[in-house]
Amino acid sequence: MARLRPSRPTSPLPPGLGVGWRPPLAAAIAERGDLAFVELIAESVDPDRPLPVALTELDVPMVPHGVRLSLGGSEPLDRARVDRFVRVAQRLDAPLVSEHAAFVRAGGVEAGHLLPVPRTRAALRVLARNIRSLSAELSVPLAVENPAALLRWPDDELDSAAFLTELAEQTGVMLLLDVANLYGDVVNHGTDPDRFLAAIPWERVAYLHVAGGVTAGGLYHDSHAHPVRPQVLELLRTAVDHWPGPLPCLLERDTHLPPVAEFHAELDAVTRAAGLTRATISTAISTTTGAAASGAGSVPGSGTGAGRGSETGAARAGLEPADARADGELLAGQIALVRALTAGDGPPPGFATDRIEATRAALIDKRRSVVVEHWPALARTPGFRAGFAAVAAWLPPTTTWADAHAYAREHYDMLDVDARAELLVACTAGRRFALACSRPGRLPACLRGPGTDRFLGGGGSGADTPPAADRDEPVPAGAGKRGGLLVLIRLPLVGLLVLGRRGHG
């Protein structure tokens, strides 16, 4: 049985259908007349550049969704990343921002993806501390997501619902409930979905996520590259029954993008499962408007940062000095886990070896899929899958550019002209004047200068964007054109030369 349901919505987002904004999906997204909001990967937005016209013309709220802050990490938050995240929120005029109850790095080593934190009091204290630190910089509420996980820590003290509930009570943070990740916990860890849904504080749920995934080796992988499974849609139907009206619900689709008709069909299926009919949404909007007019429906902690609302006793308790010893043990455990996943160290004590290996393989496959998406010619090299896995096994994850460059260096003699041209295009991206070439007579040369936004491909790929979507300073789609003239020519030039200064023409 569901717990007593709140009588009014508290999300700062309008009820209705949302979608993760991805440039290749822009035309299909623009066709949706029922779109209530969009979500953007925060690290993909440059706060100093204009937003895509196709995005702004949607005229719906935009939510930055962070994936690199490492809120669950034992080390202090990276100041530059926090500042950039805040600027992105301001650039988007976001009513809400979101991140994950997870960590992505430890001991200076990147894991390459979101990793779960142990559900212990020590980890809860660290996560709460980082959430307060971030919230103090924000002028809008923060929501944190339950992450996907193939493995579990051996020393959990709380179940997932209790952990999220205490986190919300201590910090005032809102929750982003990922229904697909909950389904993953059901398959991978035996979580009881009914108990979870009955226990979480629904009055703190800002919005829902759904995404596609795939089962491999008996484990469910949250791929964002496959259609939403019927079981996830059924769990979504069960989840929304715990709320008295329609909730904001968003579909994530990142890679292996489907044809437009299939994409719309998937959005329609999510709309039906979430109960997002026009009648229910109109009723919910009227209720929200009335509550706002009376001051009854305001979001706790909103307006001055999610962590700076009225302090409850639980919130004050969370501000007590951290236990240095427990923090140190948590950090050591996170470092050991990251090294096991990226450097091939043995599993930390208590972790299942098969889950470590499955997670390690999944992280490598994720890195490979991103390279495939952004470096298609390079990915067509014979034996790319096995060759990339061999490189990634010894190369700690940093950026897609680093992964692609390392693979190209190890397999240079196997690269065709298109793959080599891709590398040179990326070498010159973001420069007003540039010349790049490589081994004598083996590779096209790349010359960039101001004056035009056209590309001339002399037998090369003619790629019009630098494939580096996950750099710390990402290059938006089309940024490669800003440098001006790009000519790819075959010349017996020696060495690699990149001239000129950074700029955008």
Protein backbone atom coordinates (compact mmCIF):
# COMPACT_ATOMS: atom_id res chain seq x y z
CA MET A 1 0.00 0.00 0.00
CA ALA A 2 1.25 3.47 -0.87
CA ARG A 3 2.04 5.88 1.92
CA LEU A 4 -0.25 8.85 2.51
CA ARG A 5 0.05 10.95 -0.61
CA PRO A 6 0.60 14.71 -0.50
CA SER A 7 -2.29 16.88 -1.60
CA ARG A 8 -0.43 19.21 -3.95
CA PRO A 9 2.50 19.08 -6.37
CA THR A 10 5.78 20.63 -5.31
CA SER A 11 7.88 20.38 -8.47
CA PRO A 12 9.05 23.65 -10.05
CA LEU A 13 8.56 22.00 -13.45
CA PRO A 14 5.22 21.92 -15.26
CA PRO A 15 3.53 18.51 -15.38
CA GLY A 16 3.91 16.84 -18.72
CA LEU A 17 6.31 15.20 -21.14
CA GLY A 18 9.99 16.07 -21.23
CA VAL A 19 12.84 14.90 -23.42
CA GLY A 20 16.60 14.95 -23.23
CA TRP A 21 17.82 17.50 -25.76
CA ARG A 22 20.27 16.03 -28.26
CA PRO A 23 21.16 18.02 -31.42
CA PRO A 24 20.52 15.08 -33.80
CA LEU A 25 16.98 14.88 -32.40
CA ALA A 26 16.28 18.60 -32.76
CA ALA A 27 13.94 18.33 -35.75
CA ALA A 28 11.94 15.49 -34.21
CA ILE A 29 11.70 17.26 -30.86
CA ALA A 30 10.42 20.41 -32.59
CA GLU A 31 7.51 18.39 -33.98
CA ARG A 32 6.16 17.63 -30.51
CA GLY A 33 3.24 19.81 -29.60
CA ASP A 34 2.97 18.27 -26.14
CA LEU A 35 6.46 19.04 -24.85
CA ALA A 36 6.52 20.55 -21.35
CA PHE A 37 10.28 20.84 -20.76
CA VAL A 38 13.69 19.68 -21.96
CA GLU A 39 16.82 18.54 -20.17
CA LEU A 40 20.39 19.19 -21.32
CA ILE A 41 23.59 17.52 -20.16
CA ALA A 42 25.08 20.43 -18.22
CA GLU A 43 28.64 19.69 -19.31
CA SER A 44 27.61 19.94 -22.98
CA VAL A 45 26.42 23.55 -22.63
CA ASP A 46 28.88 26.40 -23.10
CA PRO A 47 27.53 29.27 -20.98
CA ASP A 48 29.50 31.79 -23.06
CA ARG A 49 28.00 30.85 -26.42
CA PRO A 50 24.53 31.32 -27.89
CA LEU A 51 22.12 28.46 -27.46
CA PRO A 52 20.98 26.62 -30.60
CA VAL A 53 18.04 28.35 -32.25
CA ALA A 54 16.18 25.05 -32.49
CA LEU A 55 16.41 24.78 -28.70
CA THR A 56 15.31 28.28 -27.80
CA GLU A 57 12.42 28.16 -30.28
CA LEU A 58 10.86 25.35 -28.25
CA ASP A 59 10.05 27.99 -25.62
CA VAL A 60 9.88 25.47 -22.76
CA PRO A 61 11.80 25.30 -19.45
CA MET A 62 15.35 23.95 -19.76
CA VAL A 63 16.92 21.84 -17.01
CA PRO A 64 20.71 21.32 -16.84
CA HIS A 65 21.49 17.74 -15.81
CA GLY A 66 25.00 17.33 -14.41
CA VAL A 67 27.06 14.15 -14.70
CA ARG A 68 30.55 15.23 -13.60
CA LEU A 69 30.29 17.02 -10.23
CA SER A 70 30.81 13.83 -8.22
CA LEU A 71 28.50 14.84 -5.38
CA GLY A 72 29.07 11.51 -3.66
CA GLY A 73 32.86 11.79 -3.73
CA SER A 74 34.77 12.08 -0.47
CA GLU A 75 36.99 14.83 -1.84
CA PRO A 76 35.84 18.47 -1.99
CA LEU A 77 33.85 19.52 -5.03
CA ASP A 78 35.91 20.95 -7.88
CA ARG A 79 35.43 24.71 -7.68
CA ALA A 80 35.71 25.26 -11.44
CA ARG A 81 33.12 22.59 -12.19
CA VAL A 82 30.70 24.05 -9.64
CA ASP A 83 31.15 27.57 -11.01
CA ARG A 84 30.53 26.36 -14.54
CA PHE A 85 27.46 24.38 -13.48
CA VAL A 86 26.00 27.48 -11.82
CA ARG A 87 26.70 29.59 -14.92
CA VAL A 88 25.00 27.01 -17.13
CA ALA A 89 21.91 27.13 -14.91
CA GLN A 90 21.87 30.90 -15.22
CA ARG A 91 22.42 30.74 -18.99
CA LEU A 92 19.43 28.44 -19.40
CA ASP A 93 17.28 30.42 -16.95
CA ALA A 94 16.59 27.02 -15.41
CA PRO A 95 13.78 26.58 -12.87
CA LEU A 96 15.61 23.54 -11.50
CA VAL A 97 18.96 21.74 -11.83
CA SER A 98 19.76 18.07 -11.31
CA GLU A 99 22.70 15.79 -10.60
CA HIS A 100 23.29 12.30 -9.20
CA ALA A 101 23.71 10.66 -5.81
CA ALA A 102 26.93 9.16 -7.12
CA PHE A 103 30.66 9.78 -7.59
CA VAL A 104 32.76 9.79 -10.76
CA ARG A 105 36.34 10.20 -9.54
CA ALA A 106 38.56 9.44 -6.56
CA GLY A 107 42.21 10.07 -5.84
CA GLY A 108 42.53 12.14 -9.00
CA VAL A 109 41.40 9.26 -11.24
CA GLU A 110 38.26 9.47 -13.37
CA ALA A 111 36.00 6.42 -13.35
CA GLY A 112 34.48 7.29 -16.70
CA HIS A 113 30.89 7.07 -15.48
CA LEU A 114 28.64 7.44 -12.45
CA LEU A 115 29.33 5.01 -9.61
CA PRO A 116 27.07 4.30 -6.62
CA VAL A 117 28.03 5.43 -3.14
CA PRO A 118 27.79 3.05 -0.18
CA ARG A 119 24.51 3.52 1.64
CA THR A 120 26.20 4.24 4.96
CA ARG A 121 25.94 7.09 7.46
CA ALA A 122 29.42 8.26 6.50
CA ALA A 123 28.56 8.39 2.79
CA LEU A 124 25.25 10.08 3.58
CA ARG A 125 27.09 12.77 5.54
CA VAL A 126 29.56 13.38 2.71
CA LEU A 127 26.84 13.50 0.07
CA ALA A 128 24.76 15.88 2.20
CA ARG A 129 27.77 18.12 2.76
CA ASN A 130 28.47 18.37 -0.96
CA ILE A 131 24.81 18.99 -1.77
CA ARG A 132 24.71 21.86 0.72
CA SER A 133 27.90 23.28 -0.75
CA LEU A 134 26.47 23.20 -4.27
CA SER A 135 23.03 24.42 -3.21
CA ALA A 136 24.57 27.44 -1.51
CA GLU A 137 25.77 28.58 -4.95
CA LEU A 138 22.47 28.03 -6.72
CA SER A 139 19.42 30.27 -6.89
CA VAL A 140 17.10 27.42 -7.90
CA PRO A 141 16.30 24.01 -6.38
CA LEU A 142 18.58 21.01 -6.89
CA ALA A 143 17.28 17.48 -7.52
CA VAL A 144 19.47 14.37 -7.20
CA GLU A 145 18.92 11.15 -9.12
CA ASN A 146 19.09 7.55 -7.98
CA PRO A 147 21.91 6.20 -10.21
CA ALA A 148 22.11 2.98 -12.18
CA ALA A 149 24.45 0.39 -10.69
CA LEU A 150 25.70 -3.06 -11.60
CA LEU A 151 27.47 -3.45 -8.26
CA ARG A 152 26.75 -2.77 -4.62
CA TRP A 153 29.00 -1.86 -1.73
CA PRO A 154 29.37 -4.62 0.87
CA ASP A 155 28.80 -2.39 3.90
CA ASP A 156 25.40 -0.82 3.13
CA GLU A 157 23.54 0.24 6.28
CA LEU A 158 20.35 1.60 4.68
CA ASP A 159 18.14 0.51 1.83
CA SER A 160 17.93 2.82 -1.17
CA ALA A 161 14.59 4.40 -0.23
CA ALA A 162 15.70 5.15 3.34
CA PHE A 163 18.98 6.59 2.07
CA LEU A 164 17.24 8.98 -0.33
CA THR A 165 14.63 9.91 2.26
CA GLU A 166 17.23 10.83 4.87
CA LEU A 167 19.19 12.76 2.26
CA ALA A 168 16.12 14.82 1.38
CA GLU A 169 15.27 15.42 5.04
CA GLN A 170 18.79 16.51 5.96
CA THR A 171 19.41 18.83 3.01
CA GLY A 172 16.04 19.90 1.61
CA VAL A 173 17.18 18.57 -1.77
CA MET A 174 14.58 17.36 -4.25
CA LEU A 175 14.65 13.95 -5.90
CA LEU A 176 14.83 12.90 -9.53
CA LEU A 177 13.38 9.40 -9.64
CA ASP A 178 14.83 7.40 -12.52
CA VAL A 179 12.32 4.60 -13.06
CA ALA A 180 14.66 2.72 -15.42
CA ASN A 181 17.39 2.77 -12.78
CA LEU A 182 14.90 1.43 -10.24
CA TYR A 183 14.10 -1.37 -12.68
CA GLY A 184 17.83 -2.04 -12.92
CA ASP A 185 17.98 -2.38 -9.14
CA VAL A 186 15.09 -4.83 -9.28
CA VAL A 187 16.90 -7.02 -11.83
CA ASN A 188 20.47 -6.62 -10.59
CA HIS A 189 19.98 -6.46 -6.83
CA GLY A 190 16.55 -7.85 -6.04
CA THR A 191 15.07 -4.53 -4.88
CA ASP A 192 11.36 -4.68 -4.08
CA PRO A 193 9.91 -1.89 -6.28
CA ASP A 194 6.63 -1.66 -4.38
CA ARG A 195 8.40 -1.16 -1.05
CA PHE A 196 10.71 1.43 -2.61
CA LEU A 197 7.88 3.41 -4.20
CA ALA A 198 5.82 3.30 -1.00
CA ALA A 199 8.73 4.55 1.11
CA ILE A 200 10.20 7.50 -0.81
CA PRO A 201 9.03 11.05 0.00
CA TRP A 202 6.92 11.80 -3.07
CA GLU A 203 6.43 15.40 -2.00
CA ARG A 204 10.16 15.84 -2.75
CA VAL A 205 10.08 14.25 -6.24
CA ALA A 206 10.77 16.94 -8.83
CA TYR A 207 10.41 14.78 -11.95
CA LEU A 208 10.86 11.29 -13.37
CA HIS A 209 13.29 9.74 -15.84
CA VAL A 210 12.72 6.79 -18.11
CA ALA A 211 15.24 5.32 -20.54
CA GLY A 212 15.99 2.22 -22.53
CA GLY A 213 18.40 -0.52 -21.61
CA VAL A 214 19.53 -4.03 -22.42
CA THR A 215 20.07 -7.25 -20.49
CA ALA A 216 23.45 -8.93 -20.92
CA GLY A 217 24.98 -11.66 -18.82
CA GLY A 218 21.93 -11.66 -16.58
CA LEU A 219 22.40 -7.98 -15.69
CA TYR A 220 20.36 -4.98 -16.80
CA HIS A 221 22.45 -2.19 -18.35
CA ASP A 222 21.04 1.34 -18.43
CA SER A 223 22.28 2.06 -21.95
CA HIS A 224 20.13 5.01 -23.07
CA ALA A 225 20.66 3.43 -26.49
CA HIS A 226 17.70 1.05 -26.71
CA PRO A 227 13.91 1.40 -26.60
CA VAL A 228 12.24 1.66 -23.21
CA ARG A 229 11.35 -1.86 -22.12
CA PRO A 230 7.72 -2.81 -21.44
CA GLN A 231 8.69 -3.68 -17.86
CA VAL A 232 9.98 -0.12 -17.33
CA LEU A 233 6.76 1.35 -18.72
CA GLU A 234 4.75 -0.88 -16.39
CA LEU A 235 6.88 0.25 -13.45
CA LEU A 236 6.28 3.85 -14.55
CA ARG A 237 2.51 3.23 -14.40
CA THR A 238 2.93 1.89 -10.88
CA ALA A 239 5.13 4.81 -9.85
CA VAL A 240 2.81 7.60 -10.98
CA ASP A 241 -0.05 6.00 -9.05
CA HIS A 242 1.74 7.16 -5.89
CA TRP A 243 1.03 10.80 -6.81
CA PRO A 244 -2.40 12.47 -6.99
CA GLY A 245 -1.78 14.07 -10.38
CA PRO A 246 0.52 13.95 -13.42
CA LEU A 247 4.23 14.45 -12.82
CA PRO A 248 6.90 15.83 -15.14
CA CYS A 249 8.32 12.75 -16.89
CA LEU A 250 11.30 12.75 -19.26
CA LEU A 251 12.67 10.29 -21.81
CA GLU A 252 16.45 9.95 -22.16
CA ARG A 253 17.88 8.69 -25.46
CA ASP A 254 21.58 9.30 -26.07
CA THR A 255 22.98 7.00 -28.76
CA HIS A 256 21.76 4.63 -31.49
CA LEU A 257 19.04 7.15 -32.18
CA PRO A 258 15.94 5.62 -33.78
CA PRO A 259 14.09 6.79 -36.89
CA VAL A 260 11.80 9.73 -36.24
CA ALA A 261 8.62 7.64 -36.32
CA GLU A 262 10.02 5.22 -33.72
CA PHE A 263 11.18 8.12 -31.55
CA HIS A 264 7.69 9.64 -31.56
CA ALA A 265 6.13 6.25 -30.83
CA GLU A 266 8.42 5.85 -27.83
CA LEU A 267 7.50 9.30 -26.52
CA ASP A 268 3.82 8.47 -27.01
CA ALA A 269 4.25 5.24 -25.03
CA VAL A 270 5.88 7.15 -22.17
CA THR A 271 3.07 9.72 -22.28
CA ARG A 272 0.43 7.02 -21.93
CA ALA A 273 2.26 5.12 -19.18
CA ALA A 274 2.76 8.31 -17.18
CA GLY A 275 -0.90 9.29 -17.53
CA LEU A 276 -0.01 12.54 -19.26
CA THR A 277 -3.29 13.18 -21.05
CA ARG A 278 -4.26 16.72 -21.92
CA ALA A 279 -7.14 16.60 -19.42
CA THR A 280 -5.01 15.48 -16.48
CA ILE A 281 -2.29 17.98 -17.30
CA SER A 282 -4.79 20.85 -17.56
CA THR A 283 -6.25 19.91 -14.17
CA ALA A 284 -2.78 19.70 -12.62
CA ILE A 285 -1.76 23.07 -14.05
CA SER A 286 -4.92 24.67 -12.66
CA THR A 287 -4.22 23.13 -9.24
CA THR A 288 -0.62 24.31 -9.32
CA THR A 289 -1.64 27.82 -10.38
CA GLY A 290 -4.16 28.05 -7.57
CA ALA A 291 -1.69 26.79 -5.00
CA ALA A 292 0.95 29.24 -6.18
CA ALA A 293 -1.49 32.13 -5.92
CA SER A 294 -2.23 31.23 -2.32
CA GLY A 295 1.42 30.57 -1.52
CA ALA A 296 0.62 26.97 -0.63
CA GLY A 297 2.45 25.23 -3.44
CA SER A 298 5.92 26.71 -3.18
CA VAL A 299 8.88 24.38 -3.40
CA PRO A 300 10.71 23.96 -0.10
CA GLY A 301 14.10 25.59 -0.31
CA SER A 302 13.42 27.28 -3.66
CA GLY A 303 14.47 30.79 -4.54
CA THR A 304 17.61 30.88 -2.43
CA GLY A 305 19.08 27.47 -3.19
CA ALA A 306 17.67 24.10 -2.28
CA GLY A 307 19.80 23.83 0.81
CA ARG A 308 19.09 27.27 2.19
CA GLY A 309 15.42 27.03 3.11
CA SER A 310 14.20 26.86 6.67
CA GLU A 311 16.53 24.59 8.65
CA THR A 312 14.87 21.61 10.25
CA GLY A 313 16.41 19.71 13.12
CA ALA A 314 17.53 17.05 10.65
CA ALA A 315 19.26 19.65 8.48
CA ARG A 316 21.08 21.15 11.45
CA ALA A 317 22.19 17.69 12.52
CA GLY A 318 23.68 17.17 9.07
CA LEU A 319 25.93 20.19 9.59
CA GLU A 320 27.82 18.63 12.48
CA PRO A 321 31.60 18.21 11.94
CA ALA A 322 32.39 15.20 9.81
CA ASP A 323 34.06 12.16 11.26
CA ALA A 324 37.54 12.44 9.74
CA ARG A 325 38.30 8.78 10.18
CA ALA A 326 35.09 7.66 8.49
CA ASP A 327 35.68 10.14 5.67
CA GLY A 328 39.18 8.77 5.20
CA GLU A 329 37.93 5.20 5.07
CA LEU A 330 35.27 6.18 2.55
CA LEU A 331 37.84 7.92 0.37
CA ALA A 332 40.16 4.91 0.52
CA GLY A 333 37.29 2.65 -0.50
CA GLN A 334 36.32 4.89 -3.41
CA ILE A 335 39.92 5.07 -4.63
CA ALA A 336 40.24 1.28 -4.45
CA LEU A 337 37.01 0.82 -6.41
CA VAL A 338 37.98 3.30 -9.12
CA ARG A 339 41.40 1.67 -9.50
CA ALA A 340 39.81 -1.77 -9.75
CA LEU A 341 37.57 -0.49 -12.54
CA THR A 342 40.14 1.54 -14.47
CA ALA A 343 43.59 0.18 -13.68
CA GLY A 344 42.86 -3.50 -13.33
CA ASP A 345 43.59 -3.69 -9.60
CA GLY A 346 41.95 -6.55 -7.75
CA PRO A 347 38.43 -6.14 -6.35
CA PRO A 348 38.30 -4.25 -3.04
CA PRO A 349 37.42 -6.43 -0.03
CA GLY A 350 33.82 -7.53 0.01
CA PHE A 351 33.03 -6.73 -3.62
CA ALA A 352 31.91 -9.53 -5.93
CA THR A 353 34.56 -10.18 -8.58
CA ASP A 354 31.99 -10.85 -11.30
CA ARG A 355 30.25 -7.51 -10.65
CA ILE A 356 33.58 -5.66 -10.75
CA GLU A 357 34.40 -7.27 -14.09
CA ALA A 358 30.92 -6.58 -15.46
CA THR A 359 31.13 -2.93 -14.42
CA ARG A 360 34.64 -2.59 -15.83
CA ALA A 361 33.49 -4.04 -19.17
CA ALA A 362 30.44 -1.76 -19.19
CA LEU A 363 32.60 1.33 -18.57
CA ILE A 364 34.91 0.39 -21.45
CA ASP A 365 31.94 -0.27 -23.72
CA LYS A 366 30.45 3.11 -22.83
CA ARG A 367 33.72 4.83 -23.76
CA ARG A 368 33.80 2.90 -27.02
CA SER A 369 30.20 3.81 -27.89
CA VAL A 370 30.94 7.52 -27.41
CA VAL A 371 33.97 7.26 -29.70
CA VAL A 372 31.81 5.44 -32.27
CA GLU A 373 29.26 8.26 -32.13
CA HIS A 374 31.72 11.11 -32.50
CA TRP A 375 34.47 9.44 -34.57
CA PRO A 376 32.54 7.27 -37.06
CA ALA A 377 35.39 6.89 -39.56
CA LEU A 378 37.83 5.87 -36.84
CA ALA A 379 35.29 3.36 -35.53
CA ARG A 380 35.08 1.71 -38.96
CA THR A 381 38.69 0.54 -38.63
CA PRO A 382 38.79 -3.29 -38.84
CA GLY A 383 38.90 -4.85 -35.39
CA PHE A 384 37.96 -1.57 -33.69
CA ARG A 385 35.94 -3.12 -30.85
CA ALA A 386 38.69 -5.45 -29.65
CA GLY A 387 41.43 -2.93 -30.34
CA PHE A 388 39.70 -0.19 -28.39
CA ALA A 389 39.05 -2.52 -25.46
CA ALA A 390 42.77 -3.34 -25.34
CA VAL A 391 43.69 0.36 -25.29
CA ALA A 392 41.03 1.28 -22.72
CA ALA A 393 42.24 -1.50 -20.43
CA TRP A 394 45.45 0.44 -19.69
CA LEU A 395 44.29 4.02 -20.40
CA PRO A 396 42.39 5.71 -17.54
CA PRO A 397 39.30 7.52 -18.84
CA THR A 398 39.59 11.26 -19.36
CA THR A 399 37.98 12.53 -22.57
CA THR A 400 36.73 11.08 -25.83
CA TRP A 401 39.54 12.89 -27.63
CA ALA A 402 42.11 11.13 -25.45
CA ASP A 403 40.48 7.75 -26.10
CA ALA A 404 40.32 8.31 -29.86
CA HIS A 405 43.87 9.66 -30.04
CA ALA A 406 45.28 6.75 -28.03
CA TYR A 407 43.53 4.21 -30.25
CA ALA A 408 44.71 5.99 -33.40
CA ARG A 409 48.29 6.09 -32.14
CA GLU A 410 48.28 2.34 -31.42
CA HIS A 411 46.62 1.40 -34.73
CA TYR A 412 47.86 4.14 -37.04
CA ASP A 413 48.87 1.85 -39.90
CA MET A 414 45.33 0.45 -40.06
CA LEU A 415 43.59 3.84 -40.37
CA ASP A 416 42.13 4.82 -43.72
CA VAL A 417 42.13 8.34 -45.16
CA ASP A 418 38.75 9.21 -43.64
CA ALA A 419 39.85 8.24 -40.14
CA ARG A 420 43.07 10.23 -40.45
CA ALA A 421 41.12 13.22 -41.74
CA GLU A 422 38.86 13.06 -38.69
CA LEU A 423 41.88 13.37 -36.43
CA LEU A 424 43.21 16.39 -38.28
CA VAL A 425 39.85 18.16 -38.29
CA ALA A 426 39.72 17.81 -34.51
CA CYS A 427 43.32 18.98 -34.14
CA THR A 428 42.46 22.31 -35.73
CA ALA A 429 39.04 22.85 -34.15
CA GLY A 430 38.63 26.14 -32.32
CA ARG A 431 41.57 27.86 -34.07
CA ARG A 432 41.27 30.76 -36.47
CA PHE A 433 44.40 29.76 -38.36
CA ALA A 434 45.76 26.24 -38.33
CA LEU A 435 47.70 23.74 -40.39
CA ALA A 436 47.89 20.08 -39.44
CA CYS A 437 49.55 17.19 -41.19
CA SER A 438 51.14 13.91 -40.23
CA ARG A 439 53.43 11.24 -41.62
CA PRO A 440 55.01 11.81 -45.07
CA GLY A 441 52.57 11.07 -47.86
CA ARG A 442 50.33 9.09 -45.58
CA LEU A 443 47.65 11.50 -44.46
CA PRO A 444 45.60 14.47 -45.67
CA ALA A 445 46.72 17.85 -44.44
CA CYS A 446 44.28 20.18 -42.76
CA LEU A 447 44.43 23.94 -43.31
CA ARG A 448 42.08 26.30 -41.52
CA GLY A 449 41.66 30.04 -41.98
CA PRO A 450 39.03 32.77 -41.65
CA GLY A 451 36.62 33.83 -44.31
CA THR A 452 34.17 31.00 -44.90
CA ASP A 453 32.19 28.37 -43.04
CA ARG A 454 32.47 25.74 -45.77
CA PHE A 455 34.55 22.58 -45.73
CA LEU A 456 36.34 21.16 -48.73
CA GLY A 457 37.22 17.50 -48.26
CA GLY A 458 39.99 16.30 -50.52
CA GLY A 459 39.19 12.63 -50.18
CA GLY A 460 38.83 12.92 -46.45
CA SER A 461 35.80 12.71 -44.24
CA GLY A 462 34.80 16.34 -44.56
CA ALA A 463 33.62 16.20 -40.97
CA ASP A 464 32.01 19.51 -40.05
CA THR A 465 32.25 19.31 -36.28
CA PRO A 466 35.13 18.37 -34.04
CA PRO A 467 34.19 15.06 -32.40
CA ALA A 468 34.91 15.92 -28.79
CA ALA A 469 31.55 16.07 -27.09
CA ASP A 470 32.72 15.20 -23.60
CA ARG A 471 35.66 17.54 -23.23
CA ASP A 472 35.71 19.62 -20.05
CA GLU A 473 35.33 22.59 -22.42
CA PRO A 474 32.96 20.98 -24.94
CA VAL A 475 32.68 22.19 -28.51
CA PRO A 476 29.02 22.65 -29.47
CA ALA A 477 27.65 21.20 -32.67
CA GLY A 478 28.80 23.29 -35.62
CA ALA A 479 31.67 24.89 -33.70
CA GLY A 480 34.16 23.48 -36.18
CA LYS A 481 32.69 25.74 -38.84
CA ARG A 482 33.48 28.89 -36.91
CA GLY A 483 37.16 28.60 -37.68
CA GLY A 484 36.60 29.40 -41.33
CA LEU A 485 38.03 27.66 -44.39
CA LEU A 486 39.02 24.04 -43.98
CA VAL A 487 40.83 22.26 -46.78
CA LEU A 488 41.86 18.62 -46.66
CA ILE A 489 44.64 17.82 -49.11
CA ARG A 490 47.07 14.96 -49.64
CA LEU A 491 50.62 16.24 -49.36
CA PRO A 492 53.89 14.54 -48.39
CA LEU A 493 54.33 16.86 -45.44
CA VAL A 494 56.42 15.85 -42.47
CA GLY A 495 55.39 15.86 -38.83
CA LEU A 496 52.36 17.34 -37.12
CA LEU A 497 52.01 21.11 -37.07
CA VAL A 498 49.21 23.15 -35.56
CA LEU A 499 49.56 26.91 -35.95
CA GLY A 500 47.48 29.86 -34.86
CA ARG A 501 45.62 31.08 -31.86
CA ARG A 502 42.37 29.97 -30.29
CA GLY A 503 39.32 31.84 -31.47
CA HIS A 504 35.90 31.60 -33.01
CA GLY A 505 36.30 33.74 -36.10
